[in-house]
Amino acid sequence: MKTVSIREMKAHWSEIEGQVREGASFLVLNRGKPAARIVPAAPREVLVWDDHLATAITADRGPSAEETVRADREGRW
């Protein structure tokens, strides 16, 4: 992990950001003491859902929205 001061980080942000995008991590120091850590963002997980419309609740299939809410609230209200 590389270290960088806040002053250096402000002056060279585009370079640091590029290195982080490529996988580098930085420890940001404020007056010589650790203040923050800059790490690459975790890649977003892509949800693969082949036929999401087939499982959707429609007006002609399944309970209505009102019935769903009432069933959910039973015993709580």
N, C-alpha and C. Protein backbone atom coordinates (compact mmCIF):
# COMPACT_ATOMS: atom_id res chain seq x y z
N MET A 1 0.85 -1.17 0.00
CA MET A 1 0.00 0.00 0.00
C MET A 1 0.89 1.23 0.00
N LYS A 2 0.60 2.15 -0.88
CA LYS A 2 1.36 3.38 -0.99
C LYS A 2 0.82 4.39 0.01
N THR A 3 1.66 5.35 0.41
CA THR A 3 1.21 6.42 1.29
C THR A 3 1.30 7.74 0.53
N VAL A 4 0.40 8.64 0.89
CA VAL A 4 0.36 9.95 0.26
C VAL A 4 -0.20 10.94 1.29
N SER A 5 0.33 12.14 1.29
CA SER A 5 -0.19 13.16 2.20
C SER A 5 -1.43 13.79 1.56
N ILE A 6 -2.19 14.47 2.37
CA ILE A 6 -3.39 15.13 1.85
C ILE A 6 -3.00 16.16 0.80
N ARG A 7 -1.93 16.89 1.05
CA ARG A 7 -1.48 17.91 0.10
C ARG A 7 -1.11 17.26 -1.24
N GLU A 8 -0.36 16.15 -1.19
CA GLU A 8 0.01 15.45 -2.42
C GLU A 8 -1.23 14.89 -3.12
N MET A 9 -2.17 14.39 -2.33
CA MET A 9 -3.38 13.84 -2.91
C MET A 9 -4.16 14.91 -3.67
N LYS A 10 -4.27 16.09 -3.08
CA LYS A 10 -4.98 17.18 -3.77
C LYS A 10 -4.27 17.60 -5.04
N ALA A 11 -2.94 17.66 -4.98
CA ALA A 11 -2.17 18.14 -6.13
C ALA A 11 -2.13 17.13 -7.27
N HIS A 12 -2.20 15.83 -6.95
CA HIS A 12 -2.03 14.80 -7.96
C HIS A 12 -3.21 13.84 -8.02
N TRP A 13 -4.41 14.33 -7.77
CA TRP A 13 -5.57 13.46 -7.67
C TRP A 13 -5.81 12.63 -8.93
N SER A 14 -5.69 13.22 -10.10
CA SER A 14 -6.01 12.46 -11.32
C SER A 14 -5.04 11.29 -11.49
N GLU A 15 -3.78 11.48 -11.16
CA GLU A 15 -2.80 10.39 -11.24
C GLU A 15 -3.11 9.30 -10.21
N ILE A 16 -3.41 9.72 -8.98
CA ILE A 16 -3.74 8.77 -7.92
C ILE A 16 -5.01 7.99 -8.27
N GLU A 17 -6.01 8.69 -8.76
CA GLU A 17 -7.27 8.05 -9.12
C GLU A 17 -7.05 7.02 -10.22
N GLY A 18 -6.19 7.32 -11.18
CA GLY A 18 -5.87 6.38 -12.23
C GLY A 18 -5.19 5.13 -11.70
N GLN A 19 -4.29 5.31 -10.74
CA GLN A 19 -3.60 4.16 -10.14
C GLN A 19 -4.58 3.31 -9.33
N VAL A 20 -5.50 3.96 -8.63
CA VAL A 20 -6.50 3.22 -7.86
C VAL A 20 -7.39 2.42 -8.80
N ARG A 21 -7.77 3.01 -9.91
CA ARG A 21 -8.59 2.31 -10.89
C ARG A 21 -7.88 1.07 -11.40
N GLU A 22 -6.55 1.10 -11.45
CA GLU A 22 -5.76 -0.04 -11.92
C GLU A 22 -5.47 -1.04 -10.81
N GLY A 23 -5.91 -0.75 -9.56
CA GLY A 23 -5.76 -1.72 -8.49
C GLY A 23 -4.89 -1.29 -7.32
N ALA A 24 -4.24 -0.14 -7.39
CA ALA A 24 -3.38 0.32 -6.30
C ALA A 24 -4.21 0.81 -5.12
N SER A 25 -3.63 0.74 -3.93
CA SER A 25 -4.29 1.25 -2.72
C SER A 25 -3.39 2.31 -2.10
N PHE A 26 -4.00 3.31 -1.48
CA PHE A 26 -3.25 4.40 -0.86
C PHE A 26 -3.70 4.61 0.57
N LEU A 27 -2.74 4.91 1.44
CA LEU A 27 -3.02 5.34 2.80
C LEU A 27 -2.79 6.84 2.82
N VAL A 28 -3.81 7.61 3.15
CA VAL A 28 -3.72 9.06 3.17
C VAL A 28 -3.31 9.51 4.57
N LEU A 29 -2.25 10.31 4.63
CA LEU A 29 -1.74 10.78 5.91
C LEU A 29 -2.08 12.24 6.12
N ASN A 30 -2.50 12.56 7.33
CA ASN A 30 -2.75 13.94 7.73
C ASN A 30 -1.77 14.25 8.85
N ARG A 31 -0.79 15.08 8.55
CA ARG A 31 0.27 15.42 9.50
C ARG A 31 0.98 14.17 9.99
N GLY A 32 1.20 13.23 9.06
CA GLY A 32 1.95 12.03 9.38
C GLY A 32 1.14 10.90 10.00
N LYS A 33 -0.12 11.14 10.27
CA LYS A 33 -0.96 10.10 10.88
C LYS A 33 -2.01 9.63 9.86
N PRO A 34 -2.32 8.34 9.86
CA PRO A 34 -3.32 7.82 8.91
C PRO A 34 -4.67 8.51 9.09
N ALA A 35 -5.22 8.97 7.98
CA ALA A 35 -6.51 9.65 8.02
C ALA A 35 -7.56 8.92 7.19
N ALA A 36 -7.12 8.27 6.11
CA ALA A 36 -8.07 7.59 5.23
C ALA A 36 -7.33 6.56 4.41
N ARG A 37 -8.10 5.65 3.85
CA ARG A 37 -7.55 4.64 2.95
C ARG A 37 -8.35 4.71 1.66
N ILE A 38 -7.64 4.76 0.56
CA ILE A 38 -8.29 4.77 -0.75
C ILE A 38 -8.00 3.43 -1.40
N VAL A 39 -9.05 2.69 -1.68
CA VAL A 39 -8.92 1.36 -2.28
C VAL A 39 -9.81 1.28 -3.51
N PRO A 40 -9.49 0.39 -4.43
CA PRO A 40 -10.35 0.23 -5.61
C PRO A 40 -11.75 -0.23 -5.20
N ALA A 41 -12.72 0.24 -5.91
CA ALA A 41 -14.10 -0.19 -5.66
C ALA A 41 -14.24 -1.64 -6.08
N ALA A 42 -15.01 -2.38 -5.31
CA ALA A 42 -15.27 -3.77 -5.68
C ALA A 42 -16.14 -3.78 -6.92
N PRO A 43 -15.88 -4.67 -7.85
CA PRO A 43 -16.73 -4.73 -9.04
C PRO A 43 -18.16 -5.07 -8.66
N ARG A 44 -19.09 -4.42 -9.32
CA ARG A 44 -20.50 -4.68 -9.04
C ARG A 44 -20.89 -6.04 -9.55
N GLU A 45 -21.66 -6.75 -8.76
CA GLU A 45 -22.14 -8.06 -9.16
C GLU A 45 -23.33 -7.88 -10.09
N VAL A 46 -23.26 -8.50 -11.22
CA VAL A 46 -24.34 -8.39 -12.20
C VAL A 46 -25.31 -9.54 -11.98
N LEU A 47 -26.56 -9.20 -11.78
CA LEU A 47 -27.60 -10.20 -11.57
C LEU A 47 -28.11 -10.66 -12.92
N VAL A 48 -28.03 -11.95 -13.15
CA VAL A 48 -28.53 -12.52 -14.39
C VAL A 48 -29.89 -13.13 -14.09
N TRP A 49 -30.91 -12.58 -14.72
CA TRP A 49 -32.27 -13.01 -14.48
C TRP A 49 -32.93 -13.17 -15.84
N ASP A 50 -32.93 -14.39 -16.33
CA ASP A 50 -33.33 -14.64 -17.70
C ASP A 50 -34.73 -14.15 -18.04
N ASP A 51 -35.72 -14.49 -17.20
CA ASP A 51 -37.09 -14.15 -17.55
C ASP A 51 -37.78 -13.48 -16.36
N HIS A 52 -37.39 -12.27 -16.06
CA HIS A 52 -37.94 -11.59 -14.89
C HIS A 52 -39.42 -11.25 -15.04
N LEU A 53 -39.90 -11.10 -16.24
CA LEU A 53 -41.31 -10.76 -16.43
C LEU A 53 -42.21 -11.95 -16.12
N ALA A 54 -41.69 -13.17 -16.23
CA ALA A 54 -42.51 -14.35 -15.97
C ALA A 54 -42.86 -14.46 -14.48
N THR A 55 -42.06 -13.87 -13.60
CA THR A 55 -42.32 -13.97 -12.16
C THR A 55 -42.99 -12.72 -11.59
N ALA A 56 -43.28 -11.75 -12.43
CA ALA A 56 -43.91 -10.52 -11.96
C ALA A 56 -45.38 -10.77 -11.63
N ILE A 57 -45.89 -10.03 -10.63
CA ILE A 57 -47.31 -10.12 -10.28
C ILE A 57 -48.08 -9.25 -11.25
N THR A 58 -49.07 -9.83 -11.89
CA THR A 58 -49.89 -9.08 -12.83
C THR A 58 -51.32 -9.04 -12.30
N ALA A 59 -52.15 -8.21 -12.91
CA ALA A 59 -53.53 -8.05 -12.46
C ALA A 59 -54.33 -9.34 -12.65
N ASP A 60 -54.04 -10.10 -13.69
CA ASP A 60 -54.81 -11.32 -13.95
C ASP A 60 -54.22 -12.56 -13.29
N ARG A 61 -53.08 -12.42 -12.63
CA ARG A 61 -52.43 -13.58 -12.02
C ARG A 61 -51.93 -13.19 -10.64
N GLY A 62 -52.32 -13.93 -9.65
CA GLY A 62 -51.84 -13.67 -8.31
C GLY A 62 -52.66 -12.60 -7.60
N PRO A 63 -52.34 -12.35 -6.35
CA PRO A 63 -53.10 -11.38 -5.57
C PRO A 63 -52.84 -9.95 -6.03
N SER A 64 -53.80 -9.08 -5.73
CA SER A 64 -53.62 -7.67 -6.06
C SER A 64 -52.64 -7.06 -5.08
N ALA A 65 -52.22 -5.85 -5.36
CA ALA A 65 -51.30 -5.15 -4.47
C ALA A 65 -51.94 -4.95 -3.10
N GLU A 66 -53.23 -4.61 -3.09
CA GLU A 66 -53.96 -4.41 -1.84
C GLU A 66 -53.99 -5.70 -1.02
N GLU A 67 -54.26 -6.82 -1.67
CA GLU A 67 -54.29 -8.11 -0.97
C GLU A 67 -52.91 -8.49 -0.43
N THR A 68 -51.89 -8.18 -1.19
CA THR A 68 -50.52 -8.48 -0.76
C THR A 68 -50.16 -7.68 0.48
N VAL A 69 -50.52 -6.41 0.50
CA VAL A 69 -50.23 -5.55 1.66
C VAL A 69 -51.03 -6.02 2.87
N ARG A 70 -52.30 -6.34 2.67
CA ARG A 70 -53.12 -6.81 3.79
C ARG A 70 -52.55 -8.10 4.38
N ALA A 71 -52.15 -9.03 3.52
CA ALA A 71 -51.59 -10.29 4.00
C ALA A 71 -50.30 -10.04 4.78
N ASP A 72 -49.51 -9.08 4.33
CA ASP A 72 -48.26 -8.76 5.01
C ASP A 72 -48.50 -8.14 6.38
N ARG A 73 -49.58 -7.35 6.47
CA ARG A 73 -49.86 -6.64 7.71
C ARG A 73 -50.65 -7.45 8.72
N GLU A 74 -51.17 -8.60 8.32
CA GLU A 74 -51.98 -9.41 9.24
C GLU A 74 -51.20 -9.71 10.50
N GLY A 75 -51.86 -9.47 11.62
CA GLY A 75 -51.23 -9.74 12.91
C GLY A 75 -50.37 -8.61 13.43
N ARG A 76 -50.04 -7.64 12.58
CA ARG A 76 -49.23 -6.52 13.04
C ARG A 76 -50.07 -5.30 13.36
N TRP A 77 -51.24 -5.16 12.73
CA TRP A 77 -52.05 -3.95 12.92
C TRP A 77 -53.29 -4.26 13.68
